[in-house]
Amino acid sequence: MAMMRYAEALRAALREEMQRDPSVWLMGEDIAVYGGVFKVSKDLMEEFGPERVRDTPISEQTLTAMAVTAAMAGTRPVLEIMYADFLPLSVDALMNQASIYNYIWNGQVTMPFVLRTQGGGGAGAGAQHSKSLDALVAHIPGIKVVAPATAADAKGLLKAAIRDDHPVVFLEHKLLYNSRDEVPDGDHLVEIGKARIARAGTDVSIIASSKMVVDALKAAEELAKESVSAEVVDLRTLRPLDRDTIRASIAKTHHAVVVNEGWRFCGYAAELSATIMECCFDELDAPVERVATHDIPIPYSEPLESTVLPDATKIAAAARRALA
């Protein structure tokens, strides 16, 4: 085990997969010479050369279509879209190309590419650089969506995503890059589609992903002072969703709080709530509580931003409502 920052774990995953498989290559805005806006790809161009670590123009729609074509041609591109706010520019290639070609060509085409991007608020980056658009991409059949909360999962899930023969959108939170965690040595892989229990509990299940897992764990600590035992389920993967782990947790606690940093209306938290009502209704002693971002653009002002985003205090309050 080695202590790593989240960004370092991602870099280790990229390096190991590029060393293992010469068909893996990187593309994106400022990822080569500059090393990425968050330095995830730092030094990789020097190690692997400009043919495998490529700077690109600012044209997200074109880049995603290029990644689709490169994957169809037999390579494994890892594309970075600088900020999730610009995912809408990639949606045409994701929805009308990447997600359907395997289906419409009856399995004759594979689509092994990864789209990495950074989302989330809390950094005072304003309305154009703070969105969490999980629901936008998770809505598309044929796309896998991953959102790790820890450095260990960041490495293990990115390696698994690169080896997957289907398109994977890999969501990273800007505020997690400097978080530290122990990362297993060697060829560490984490199964896509498998959640983990981040904290065991018996009274209420708090179901979250990405940075919201960190906030959920803080909320669980707060609730523990009131003798409330909260279980925190880290989804890790948004699509496919691990219903079995969710069901097992709720069967134990009989209360559920779902947390997502996306907007509340038609958001991923709404899908989680509906899924729980469909598969776990007979286990629930109270309605599902939902914690999400207010339905407004993310403010630049720090006090206003903190008001609209989910946090540990709001999660704990939702847990109390569920138990009441």
C-alpha atoms as a PDB file:
ATOM      1  CA  MET A   1       0.000   0.000   0.000  1.00  0.00           C
ATOM      2  CA  ALA A   2       1.176   3.506  -0.764  1.00  0.00           C
ATOM      3  CA  MET A   3      -0.288   6.837   0.356  1.00  0.00           C
ATOM      4  CA  MET A   4      -1.292   8.810  -2.767  1.00  0.00           C
ATOM      5  CA  ARG A   5      -3.206  11.894  -3.712  1.00  0.00           C
ATOM      6  CA  TYR A   6      -6.285  11.267  -5.868  1.00  0.00           C
ATOM      7  CA  ALA A   7      -4.559  12.976  -8.827  1.00  0.00           C
ATOM      8  CA  GLU A   8      -1.440  10.846  -8.354  1.00  0.00           C
ATOM      9  CA  ALA A   9      -3.541   7.678  -8.317  1.00  0.00           C
ATOM     10  CA  LEU A  10      -5.124   8.648 -11.634  1.00  0.00           C
ATOM     11  CA  ARG A  11      -1.686   9.333 -13.110  1.00  0.00           C
ATOM     12  CA  ALA A  12      -0.438   5.968 -11.890  1.00  0.00           C
ATOM     13  CA  ALA A  13      -3.407   4.261 -13.562  1.00  0.00           C
ATOM     14  CA  LEU A  14      -2.735   6.027 -16.855  1.00  0.00           C
ATOM     15  CA  ARG A  15       0.975   5.246 -16.743  1.00  0.00           C
ATOM     16  CA  GLU A  16       0.480   1.565 -15.890  1.00  0.00           C
ATOM     17  CA  GLU A  17      -2.122   1.037 -18.599  1.00  0.00           C
ATOM     18  CA  MET A  18       0.010   2.806 -21.215  1.00  0.00           C
ATOM     19  CA  GLN A  19       2.963   0.630 -20.239  1.00  0.00           C
ATOM     20  CA  ARG A  20       0.820  -2.495 -20.365  1.00  0.00           C
ATOM     21  CA  ASP A  21      -0.998  -1.803 -23.641  1.00  0.00           C
ATOM     22  CA  PRO A  22       0.541   0.211 -26.535  1.00  0.00           C
ATOM     23  CA  SER A  23      -2.944   0.851 -27.964  1.00  0.00           C
ATOM     24  CA  VAL A  24      -3.764   3.161 -24.996  1.00  0.00           C
ATOM     25  CA  TRP A  25      -3.160   6.851 -25.700  1.00  0.00           C
ATOM     26  CA  LEU A  26      -4.258  10.177 -24.259  1.00  0.00           C
ATOM     27  CA  MET A  27      -5.804  13.243 -25.854  1.00  0.00           C
ATOM     28  CA  GLY A  28      -7.238  16.492 -24.542  1.00  0.00           C
ATOM     29  CA  GLU A  29      -6.792  20.189 -23.918  1.00  0.00           C
ATOM     30  CA  ASP A  30      -3.469  21.068 -22.242  1.00  0.00           C
ATOM     31  CA  ILE A  31      -2.814  17.491 -21.153  1.00  0.00           C
ATOM     32  CA  ALA A  32       0.606  17.061 -22.822  1.00  0.00           C
ATOM     33  CA  VAL A  33       3.038  19.968 -22.515  1.00  0.00           C
ATOM     34  CA  TYR A  34       1.244  21.517 -19.539  1.00  0.00           C
ATOM     35  CA  GLY A  35       0.447  18.163 -17.891  1.00  0.00           C
ATOM     36  CA  GLY A  36      -3.260  18.807 -17.456  1.00  0.00           C
ATOM     37  CA  VAL A  37      -5.050  21.574 -15.615  1.00  0.00           C
ATOM     38  CA  PHE A  38      -4.923  19.457 -12.443  1.00  0.00           C
ATOM     39  CA  LYS A  39      -1.563  17.858 -13.346  1.00  0.00           C
ATOM     40  CA  VAL A  40      -3.028  14.376 -13.701  1.00  0.00           C
ATOM     41  CA  SER A  41      -1.034  13.736 -16.893  1.00  0.00           C
ATOM     42  CA  LYS A  42       2.128  15.494 -15.694  1.00  0.00           C
ATOM     43  CA  ASP A  43       5.347  14.021 -17.231  1.00  0.00           C
ATOM     44  CA  LEU A  44       3.486  11.445 -19.303  1.00  0.00           C
ATOM     45  CA  MET A  45       4.313  13.130 -22.616  1.00  0.00           C
ATOM     46  CA  GLU A  46       8.023  13.035 -21.728  1.00  0.00           C
ATOM     47  CA  GLU A  47       7.720   9.344 -20.940  1.00  0.00           C
ATOM     48  CA  PHE A  48       5.524   8.177 -23.834  1.00  0.00           C
ATOM     49  CA  GLY A  49       6.051  10.869 -26.484  1.00  0.00           C
ATOM     50  CA  PRO A  50       3.712  13.284 -28.280  1.00  0.00           C
ATOM     51  CA  GLU A  51       2.188  10.516 -30.419  1.00  0.00           C
ATOM     52  CA  ARG A  52       0.582   8.916 -27.359  1.00  0.00           C
ATOM     53  CA  VAL A  53      -0.038  12.040 -25.244  1.00  0.00           C
ATOM     54  CA  ARG A  54      -1.608  14.634 -27.529  1.00  0.00           C
ATOM     55  CA  ASP A  55      -2.638  18.224 -26.945  1.00  0.00           C
ATOM     56  CA  THR A  56      -5.791  19.137 -28.873  1.00  0.00           C
ATOM     57  CA  PRO A  57      -7.725  22.249 -29.895  1.00  0.00           C
ATOM     58  CA  ILE A  58     -10.686  23.410 -27.809  1.00  0.00           C
ATOM     59  CA  SER A  59     -13.463  21.575 -29.636  1.00  0.00           C
ATOM     60  CA  GLU A  60     -15.180  19.099 -27.343  1.00  0.00           C
ATOM     61  CA  GLN A  61     -17.685  17.843 -29.919  1.00  0.00           C
ATOM     62  CA  THR A  62     -14.924  17.108 -32.433  1.00  0.00           C
ATOM     63  CA  LEU A  63     -12.659  15.488 -29.840  1.00  0.00           C
ATOM     64  CA  THR A  64     -15.348  13.078 -28.665  1.00  0.00           C
ATOM     65  CA  ALA A  65     -16.165  12.083 -32.241  1.00  0.00           C
ATOM     66  CA  MET A  66     -12.434  11.525 -32.822  1.00  0.00           C
ATOM     67  CA  ALA A  67     -12.235   9.292 -29.749  1.00  0.00           C
ATOM     68  CA  VAL A  68     -15.195   7.259 -31.020  1.00  0.00           C
ATOM     69  CA  THR A  69     -13.503   6.795 -34.409  1.00  0.00           C
ATOM     70  CA  ALA A  70     -10.149   5.925 -32.841  1.00  0.00           C
ATOM     71  CA  ALA A  71     -11.812   3.313 -30.628  1.00  0.00           C
ATOM     72  CA  MET A  72     -13.567   1.786 -33.638  1.00  0.00           C
ATOM     73  CA  ALA A  73     -10.203   1.622 -35.409  1.00  0.00           C
ATOM     74  CA  GLY A  74      -8.704  -0.564 -32.701  1.00  0.00           C
ATOM     75  CA  THR A  75      -7.041   1.790 -30.235  1.00  0.00           C
ATOM     76  CA  ARG A  76      -8.017   2.686 -26.667  1.00  0.00           C
ATOM     77  CA  PRO A  77      -8.122   6.487 -26.401  1.00  0.00           C
ATOM     78  CA  VAL A  78      -8.496   8.261 -23.054  1.00  0.00           C
ATOM     79  CA  LEU A  79     -10.019  11.665 -23.754  1.00  0.00           C
ATOM     80  CA  GLU A  80     -10.045  14.464 -21.190  1.00  0.00           C
ATOM     81  CA  ILE A  81     -12.780  17.075 -21.486  1.00  0.00           C
ATOM     82  CA  MET A  82     -11.662  20.026 -19.411  1.00  0.00           C
ATOM     83  CA  TYR A  83     -14.623  20.468 -17.054  1.00  0.00           C
ATOM     84  CA  ALA A  84     -17.892  18.566 -17.011  1.00  0.00           C
ATOM     85  CA  ASP A  85     -19.723  21.813 -17.771  1.00  0.00           C
ATOM     86  CA  PHE A  86     -18.803  21.260 -21.429  1.00  0.00           C
ATOM     87  CA  LEU A  87     -20.079  17.682 -21.632  1.00  0.00           C
ATOM     88  CA  PRO A  88     -23.184  18.885 -23.527  1.00  0.00           C
ATOM     89  CA  LEU A  89     -20.865  19.546 -26.472  1.00  0.00           C
ATOM     90  CA  SER A  90     -19.874  15.857 -26.362  1.00  0.00           C
ATOM     91  CA  VAL A  91     -23.397  14.485 -26.035  1.00  0.00           C
ATOM     92  CA  ASP A  92     -24.056  14.055 -29.759  1.00  0.00           C
ATOM     93  CA  ALA A  93     -21.027  11.777 -30.178  1.00  0.00           C
ATOM     94  CA  LEU A  94     -21.884   9.917 -26.953  1.00  0.00           C
ATOM     95  CA  MET A  95     -25.600   9.510 -27.623  1.00  0.00           C
ATOM     96  CA  ASN A  96     -25.712   9.070 -31.401  1.00  0.00           C
ATOM     97  CA  GLN A  97     -22.408   7.268 -31.970  1.00  0.00           C
ATOM     98  CA  ALA A  98     -20.598   5.749 -28.988  1.00  0.00           C
ATOM     99  CA  SER A  99     -23.641   4.320 -27.209  1.00  0.00           C
ATOM    100  CA  ILE A 100     -25.370   2.723 -30.217  1.00  0.00           C
ATOM    101  CA  TYR A 101     -22.777   1.484 -32.728  1.00  0.00           C
ATOM    102  CA  ASN A 102     -22.227  -1.845 -30.993  1.00  0.00           C
ATOM    103  CA  TYR A 103     -25.999  -2.358 -31.029  1.00  0.00           C
ATOM    104  CA  ILE A 104     -26.819  -1.273 -34.576  1.00  0.00           C
ATOM    105  CA  TRP A 105     -23.875  -3.243 -36.011  1.00  0.00           C
ATOM    106  CA  ASN A 106     -24.779  -6.345 -34.012  1.00  0.00           C
ATOM    107  CA  GLY A 107     -21.574  -6.516 -31.969  1.00  0.00           C
ATOM    108  CA  GLN A 108     -19.198  -6.148 -34.925  1.00  0.00           C
ATOM    109  CA  VAL A 109     -17.809  -2.909 -33.460  1.00  0.00           C
ATOM    110  CA  THR A 110     -16.354  -2.370 -30.002  1.00  0.00           C
ATOM    111  CA  MET A 111     -16.023   1.045 -28.426  1.00  0.00           C
ATOM    112  CA  PRO A 112     -13.173   0.946 -25.873  1.00  0.00           C
ATOM    113  CA  PHE A 113     -12.670   4.574 -24.939  1.00  0.00           C
ATOM    114  CA  VAL A 114     -12.739   6.566 -21.725  1.00  0.00           C
ATOM    115  CA  LEU A 115     -13.912  10.152 -21.388  1.00  0.00           C
ATOM    116  CA  ARG A 116     -12.442  11.747 -18.243  1.00  0.00           C
ATOM    117  CA  THR A 117     -13.819  15.034 -16.969  1.00  0.00           C
ATOM    118  CA  GLN A 118     -13.884  17.162 -13.815  1.00  0.00           C
ATOM    119  CA  GLY A 119     -17.071  18.434 -12.194  1.00  0.00           C
ATOM    120  CA  GLY A 120     -18.461  19.738  -8.949  1.00  0.00           C
ATOM    121  CA  GLY A 121     -18.715  22.965  -7.013  1.00  0.00           C
ATOM    122  CA  GLY A 122     -17.162  24.309  -3.855  1.00  0.00           C
ATOM    123  CA  ALA A 123     -14.148  25.995  -5.419  1.00  0.00           C
ATOM    124  CA  GLY A 124     -15.735  29.363  -6.218  1.00  0.00           C
ATOM    125  CA  ALA A 125     -15.375  28.668  -9.934  1.00  0.00           C
ATOM    126  CA  GLY A 126     -18.738  30.134 -10.930  1.00  0.00           C
ATOM    127  CA  ALA A 127     -21.669  28.878 -12.958  1.00  0.00           C
ATOM    128  CA  GLN A 128     -19.672  27.767 -16.027  1.00  0.00           C
ATOM    129  CA  HIS A 129     -17.133  25.617 -14.150  1.00  0.00           C
ATOM    130  CA  SER A 130     -19.003  24.078 -11.199  1.00  0.00           C
ATOM    131  CA  LYS A 131     -21.699  21.772 -12.561  1.00  0.00           C
ATOM    132  CA  SER A 132     -22.277  18.109 -11.770  1.00  0.00           C
ATOM    133  CA  LEU A 133     -23.888  16.642 -14.882  1.00  0.00           C
ATOM    134  CA  ASP A 134     -24.007  13.018 -13.729  1.00  0.00           C
ATOM    135  CA  ALA A 135     -27.622  12.577 -14.831  1.00  0.00           C
ATOM    136  CA  LEU A 136     -26.902  13.887 -18.334  1.00  0.00           C
ATOM    137  CA  VAL A 137     -24.531  11.043 -19.193  1.00  0.00           C
ATOM    138  CA  ALA A 138     -26.040   8.347 -16.935  1.00  0.00           C
ATOM    139  CA  HIS A 139     -29.290   8.785 -18.870  1.00  0.00           C
ATOM    140  CA  ILE A 140     -27.723   7.277 -22.029  1.00  0.00           C
ATOM    141  CA  PRO A 141     -28.074   3.489 -22.485  1.00  0.00           C
ATOM    142  CA  GLY A 142     -24.807   1.919 -23.610  1.00  0.00           C
ATOM    143  CA  ILE A 143     -22.589   4.311 -21.633  1.00  0.00           C
ATOM    144  CA  LYS A 144     -20.980   3.286 -18.353  1.00  0.00           C
ATOM    145  CA  VAL A 145     -20.565   6.106 -15.816  1.00  0.00           C
ATOM    146  CA  VAL A 146     -18.028   5.959 -12.985  1.00  0.00           C
ATOM    147  CA  ALA A 147     -17.556   8.445 -10.114  1.00  0.00           C
ATOM    148  CA  PRO A 148     -14.876   7.387  -7.587  1.00  0.00           C
ATOM    149  CA  ALA A 149     -14.613   8.989  -4.155  1.00  0.00           C
ATOM    150  CA  THR A 150     -11.173   7.753  -3.047  1.00  0.00           C
ATOM    151  CA  ALA A 151      -7.692   7.605  -4.519  1.00  0.00           C
ATOM    152  CA  ALA A 152      -7.733   3.803  -4.378  1.00  0.00           C
ATOM    153  CA  ASP A 153     -10.979   3.632  -6.329  1.00  0.00           C
ATOM    154  CA  ALA A 154      -9.800   6.348  -8.727  1.00  0.00           C
ATOM    155  CA  LYS A 155      -6.863   4.170  -9.722  1.00  0.00           C
ATOM    156  CA  GLY A 156      -8.692   0.849  -9.733  1.00  0.00           C
ATOM    157  CA  LEU A 157     -11.728   2.091 -11.621  1.00  0.00           C
ATOM    158  CA  LEU A 158      -9.730   4.036 -14.207  1.00  0.00           C
ATOM    159  CA  LYS A 159      -7.651   0.951 -14.999  1.00  0.00           C
ATOM    160  CA  ALA A 160     -10.842  -1.102 -15.310  1.00  0.00           C
ATOM    161  CA  ALA A 161     -12.431   1.581 -17.505  1.00  0.00           C
ATOM    162  CA  ILE A 162      -9.466   1.645 -19.891  1.00  0.00           C
ATOM    163  CA  ARG A 163      -9.662  -2.140 -20.293  1.00  0.00           C
ATOM    164  CA  ASP A 164     -13.431  -2.117 -20.833  1.00  0.00           C
ATOM    165  CA  ASP A 165     -14.663  -2.656 -24.397  1.00  0.00           C
ATOM    166  CA  HIS A 166     -17.526  -0.192 -23.898  1.00  0.00           C
ATOM    167  CA  PRO A 167     -17.468   3.619 -23.619  1.00  0.00           C
ATOM    168  CA  VAL A 168     -16.951   4.834 -20.053  1.00  0.00           C
ATOM    169  CA  VAL A 169     -17.491   8.378 -18.782  1.00  0.00           C
ATOM    170  CA  PHE A 170     -15.183   8.852 -15.807  1.00  0.00           C
ATOM    171  CA  LEU A 171     -16.344  11.662 -13.502  1.00  0.00           C
ATOM    172  CA  GLU A 172     -13.785  13.264 -11.178  1.00  0.00           C
ATOM    173  CA  HIS A 173     -14.527  15.947  -8.576  1.00  0.00           C
ATOM    174  CA  LYS A 174     -12.204  18.953  -8.534  1.00  0.00           C
ATOM    175  CA  LEU A 175     -12.095  19.046  -4.738  1.00  0.00           C
ATOM    176  CA  LEU A 176     -10.908  15.433  -4.495  1.00  0.00           C
ATOM    177  CA  TYR A 177      -7.642  15.792  -6.426  1.00  0.00           C
ATOM    178  CA  ASN A 178      -5.593  16.631  -3.334  1.00  0.00           C
ATOM    179  CA  SER A 179      -7.315  14.146  -1.023  1.00  0.00           C
ATOM    180  CA  ARG A 180      -5.039  11.339   0.166  1.00  0.00           C
ATOM    181  CA  ASP A 181      -5.726   7.657   0.574  1.00  0.00           C
ATOM    182  CA  GLU A 182      -3.894   4.356   0.739  1.00  0.00           C
ATOM    183  CA  VAL A 183      -3.716   2.745  -2.702  1.00  0.00           C
ATOM    184  CA  PRO A 184      -2.920  -0.967  -3.122  1.00  0.00           C
ATOM    185  CA  ASP A 185       0.310  -1.825  -4.889  1.00  0.00           C
ATOM    186  CA  GLY A 186       0.452  -3.800  -8.110  1.00  0.00           C
ATOM    187  CA  ASP A 187      -2.247  -4.191 -10.727  1.00  0.00           C
ATOM    188  CA  HIS A 188      -5.093  -2.769  -8.631  1.00  0.00           C
ATOM    189  CA  LEU A 189      -8.475  -3.110 -10.360  1.00  0.00           C
ATOM    190  CA  VAL A 190     -11.951  -2.233  -9.066  1.00  0.00           C
ATOM    191  CA  GLU A 191     -14.988  -3.821 -10.684  1.00  0.00           C
ATOM    192  CA  ILE A 192     -17.222  -1.400 -12.568  1.00  0.00           C
ATOM    193  CA  GLY A 193     -20.786  -1.686 -11.300  1.00  0.00           C
ATOM    194  CA  LYS A 194     -19.932  -2.709  -7.744  1.00  0.00           C
ATOM    195  CA  ALA A 195     -20.646  -0.371  -4.812  1.00  0.00           C
ATOM    196  CA  ARG A 196     -18.861  -0.464  -1.455  1.00  0.00           C
ATOM    197  CA  ILE A 197     -19.919   0.112   2.124  1.00  0.00           C
ATOM    198  CA  ALA A 198     -17.818   3.100   3.189  1.00  0.00           C
ATOM    199  CA  ARG A 199     -19.165   2.962   6.741  1.00  0.00           C
ATOM    200  CA  ALA A 200     -21.374   0.278   8.300  1.00  0.00           C
ATOM    201  CA  GLY A 201     -24.507   1.290  10.201  1.00  0.00           C
ATOM    202  CA  THR A 202     -27.903   0.059  11.315  1.00  0.00           C
ATOM    203  CA  ASP A 203     -30.316   3.023  11.449  1.00  0.00           C
ATOM    204  CA  VAL A 204     -30.234   4.808   8.089  1.00  0.00           C
ATOM    205  CA  SER A 205     -28.564   4.255   4.698  1.00  0.00           C
ATOM    206  CA  ILE A 206     -26.921   7.296   3.103  1.00  0.00           C
ATOM    207  CA  ILE A 207     -26.283   6.548  -0.573  1.00  0.00           C
ATOM    208  CA  ALA A 208     -23.828   8.799  -2.409  1.00  0.00           C
ATOM    209  CA  SER A 209     -20.975   8.997  -4.910  1.00  0.00           C
ATOM    210  CA  SER A 210     -17.832  11.060  -5.582  1.00  0.00           C
ATOM    211  CA  LYS A 211     -17.269  13.952  -3.139  1.00  0.00           C
ATOM    212  CA  MET A 212     -20.715  13.450  -1.633  1.00  0.00           C
ATOM    213  CA  VAL A 213     -19.339  10.275  -0.031  1.00  0.00           C
ATOM    214  CA  VAL A 214     -16.896  12.463   1.906  1.00  0.00           C
ATOM    215  CA  ASP A 215     -19.762  14.677   3.052  1.00  0.00           C
ATOM    216  CA  ALA A 216     -21.901  11.636   3.879  1.00  0.00           C
ATOM    217  CA  LEU A 217     -19.136  10.263   6.107  1.00  0.00           C
ATOM    218  CA  LYS A 218     -18.940  13.625   7.899  1.00  0.00           C
ATOM    219  CA  ALA A 219     -22.715  13.537   8.356  1.00  0.00           C
ATOM    220  CA  ALA A 220     -22.448  10.011   9.778  1.00  0.00           C
ATOM    221  CA  GLU A 221     -19.918  11.262  12.333  1.00  0.00           C
ATOM    222  CA  GLU A 222     -22.290  14.060  13.283  1.00  0.00           C
ATOM    223  CA  LEU A 223     -25.212  11.639  13.618  1.00  0.00           C
ATOM    224  CA  ALA A 224     -23.138   9.237  15.723  1.00  0.00           C
ATOM    225  CA  LYS A 225     -22.945  11.924  18.415  1.00  0.00           C
ATOM    226  CA  GLU A 226     -26.744  11.609  18.616  1.00  0.00           C
ATOM    227  CA  SER A 227     -26.550   7.798  18.842  1.00  0.00           C
ATOM    228  CA  VAL A 228     -27.717   7.407  15.243  1.00  0.00           C
ATOM    229  CA  SER A 229     -25.875   4.695  13.322  1.00  0.00           C
ATOM    230  CA  ALA A 230     -25.635   5.717   9.658  1.00  0.00           C
ATOM    231  CA  GLU A 231     -24.460   3.376   6.919  1.00  0.00           C
ATOM    232  CA  VAL A 232     -22.726   5.100   3.984  1.00  0.00           C
ATOM    233  CA  VAL A 233     -22.985   3.389   0.598  1.00  0.00           C
ATOM    234  CA  ASP A 234     -20.434   4.595  -1.942  1.00  0.00           C
ATOM    235  CA  LEU A 235     -21.952   3.810  -5.333  1.00  0.00           C
ATOM    236  CA  ARG A 236     -18.627   4.151  -7.203  1.00  0.00           C
ATOM    237  CA  THR A 237     -20.516   3.469 -10.451  1.00  0.00           C
ATOM    238  CA  LEU A 238     -23.619   5.402 -11.467  1.00  0.00           C
ATOM    239  CA  ARG A 239     -24.380   3.174 -14.443  1.00  0.00           C
ATOM    240  CA  PRO A 240     -24.629   0.196 -14.155  1.00  0.00           C
ATOM    241  CA  LEU A 241     -26.098   0.689 -10.685  1.00  0.00           C
ATOM    242  CA  ASP A 242     -25.400  -1.868  -7.964  1.00  0.00           C
ATOM    243  CA  ARG A 243     -28.968  -2.470  -6.795  1.00  0.00           C
ATOM    244  CA  ASP A 244     -27.987  -5.503  -4.728  1.00  0.00           C
ATOM    245  CA  THR A 245     -25.753  -3.524  -2.364  1.00  0.00           C
ATOM    246  CA  ILE A 246     -28.383  -0.786  -2.045  1.00  0.00           C
ATOM    247  CA  ARG A 247     -31.102  -3.332  -1.344  1.00  0.00           C
ATOM    248  CA  ALA A 248     -29.011  -5.143   1.271  1.00  0.00           C
ATOM    249  CA  SER A 249     -28.232  -1.890   3.078  1.00  0.00           C
ATOM    250  CA  ILE A 250     -31.848  -0.731   3.185  1.00  0.00           C
ATOM    251  CA  ALA A 251     -32.998  -4.177   4.303  1.00  0.00           C
ATOM    252  CA  LYS A 252     -30.803  -3.597   7.350  1.00  0.00           C
ATOM    253  CA  THR A 253     -31.598   0.056   8.124  1.00  0.00           C
ATOM    254  CA  HIS A 254     -35.130   0.510   6.671  1.00  0.00           C
ATOM    255  CA  HIS A 255     -34.419   4.208   6.036  1.00  0.00           C
ATOM    256  CA  ALA A 256     -32.722   5.848   3.041  1.00  0.00           C
ATOM    257  CA  VAL A 257     -31.153   9.191   2.159  1.00  0.00           C
ATOM    258  CA  VAL A 258     -29.890   9.676  -1.393  1.00  0.00           C
ATOM    259  CA  VAL A 259     -27.301  12.353  -2.120  1.00  0.00           C
ATOM    260  CA  ASN A 260     -26.059  13.757  -5.423  1.00  0.00           C
ATOM    261  CA  GLU A 261     -24.431  17.075  -6.268  1.00  0.00           C
ATOM    262  CA  GLY A 262     -26.441  17.447  -9.467  1.00  0.00           C
ATOM    263  CA  TRP A 263     -29.542  19.580  -9.645  1.00  0.00           C
ATOM    264  CA  ARG A 264     -32.572  18.220  -7.804  1.00  0.00           C
ATOM    265  CA  PHE A 265     -35.185  18.326 -10.589  1.00  0.00           C
ATOM    266  CA  CYS A 266     -34.805  15.307 -12.926  1.00  0.00           C
ATOM    267  CA  GLY A 267     -31.409  14.665 -11.305  1.00  0.00           C
ATOM    268  CA  TYR A 268     -29.529  11.478 -10.494  1.00  0.00           C
ATOM    269  CA  ALA A 269     -30.853  11.602  -6.932  1.00  0.00           C
ATOM    270  CA  ALA A 270     -34.372  11.391  -8.369  1.00  0.00           C
ATOM    271  CA  GLU A 271     -33.430   8.244 -10.291  1.00  0.00           C
ATOM    272  CA  LEU A 272     -31.946   6.740  -7.136  1.00  0.00           C
ATOM    273  CA  SER A 273     -35.116   7.542  -5.200  1.00  0.00           C
ATOM    274  CA  ALA A 274     -37.311   5.951  -7.864  1.00  0.00           C
ATOM    275  CA  THR A 275     -35.095   2.864  -8.050  1.00  0.00           C
ATOM    276  CA  ILE A 276     -35.256   2.396  -4.286  1.00  0.00           C
ATOM    277  CA  MET A 277     -39.039   2.763  -4.297  1.00  0.00           C
ATOM    278  CA  GLU A 278     -39.242   0.100  -7.043  1.00  0.00           C
ATOM    279  CA  CYS A 279     -36.846  -2.463  -5.582  1.00  0.00           C
ATOM    280  CA  CYS A 280     -36.919  -1.784  -1.828  1.00  0.00           C
ATOM    281  CA  PHE A 281     -40.363  -0.380  -1.053  1.00  0.00           C
ATOM    282  CA  ASP A 282     -41.275  -3.254   1.259  1.00  0.00           C
ATOM    283  CA  GLU A 283     -38.104  -2.638   3.295  1.00  0.00           C
ATOM    284  CA  LEU A 284     -38.719   1.074   3.922  1.00  0.00           C
ATOM    285  CA  ASP A 285     -40.225   2.460   7.118  1.00  0.00           C
ATOM    286  CA  ALA A 286     -40.291   6.025   5.745  1.00  0.00           C
ATOM    287  CA  PRO A 287     -40.116   7.839   2.390  1.00  0.00           C
ATOM    288  CA  VAL A 288     -36.716   8.261   0.769  1.00  0.00           C
ATOM    289  CA  GLU A 289     -35.078  11.598   1.588  1.00  0.00           C
ATOM    290  CA  ARG A 290     -33.278  13.380  -1.256  1.00  0.00           C
ATOM    291  CA  VAL A 291     -30.349  15.826  -0.961  1.00  0.00           C
ATOM    292  CA  ALA A 292     -29.224  17.639  -4.102  1.00  0.00           C
ATOM    293  CA  THR A 293     -28.142  21.022  -5.451  1.00  0.00           C
ATOM    294  CA  HIS A 294     -30.756  23.772  -5.688  1.00  0.00           C
ATOM    295  CA  ASP A 295     -32.180  24.300  -9.159  1.00  0.00           C
ATOM    296  CA  ILE A 296     -30.192  27.426  -9.994  1.00  0.00           C
ATOM    297  CA  PRO A 297     -26.819  28.144 -11.635  1.00  0.00           C
ATOM    298  CA  ILE A 298     -23.973  27.642  -9.158  1.00  0.00           C
ATOM    299  CA  PRO A 299     -23.158  31.076  -7.666  1.00  0.00           C
ATOM    300  CA  TYR A 300     -19.638  32.491  -7.694  1.00  0.00           C
ATOM    301  CA  SER A 301     -20.071  33.986  -4.204  1.00  0.00           C
ATOM    302  CA  GLU A 302     -18.774  31.536  -1.577  1.00  0.00           C
ATOM    303  CA  PRO A 303     -21.647  32.061   0.911  1.00  0.00           C
ATOM    304  CA  LEU A 304     -24.234  31.674  -1.854  1.00  0.00           C
ATOM    305  CA  GLU A 305     -22.445  28.662  -3.332  1.00  0.00           C
ATOM    306  CA  SER A 306     -22.375  26.867   0.010  1.00  0.00           C
ATOM    307  CA  THR A 307     -26.094  27.591   0.412  1.00  0.00           C
ATOM    308  CA  VAL A 308     -27.101  25.813  -2.807  1.00  0.00           C
ATOM    309  CA  LEU A 309     -24.703  22.815  -2.679  1.00  0.00           C
ATOM    310  CA  PRO A 310     -25.272  19.665  -0.581  1.00  0.00           C
ATOM    311  CA  ASP A 311     -23.047  19.268   2.481  1.00  0.00           C
ATOM    312  CA  ALA A 312     -22.712  17.190   5.636  1.00  0.00           C
ATOM    313  CA  THR A 313     -25.122  19.361   7.634  1.00  0.00           C
ATOM    314  CA  LYS A 314     -27.873  19.020   5.002  1.00  0.00           C
ATOM    315  CA  ILE A 315     -27.283  15.270   4.720  1.00  0.00           C
ATOM    316  CA  ALA A 316     -27.528  14.824   8.500  1.00  0.00           C
ATOM    317  CA  ALA A 317     -30.741  16.873   8.552  1.00  0.00           C
ATOM    318  CA  ALA A 318     -32.225  14.620   5.840  1.00  0.00           C
ATOM    319  CA  ALA A 319     -31.301  11.536   7.883  1.00  0.00           C
ATOM    320  CA  ARG A 320     -33.087  12.985  10.910  1.00  0.00           C
ATOM    321  CA  ARG A 321     -36.195  13.624   8.797  1.00  0.00           C
ATOM    322  CA  ALA A 322     -36.142  10.037   7.532  1.00  0.00           C
ATOM    323  CA  LEU A 323     -35.872   8.672  11.057  1.00  0.00           C
ATOM    324  CA  ALA A 324     -38.558  10.984  12.372  1.00  0.00           C
END
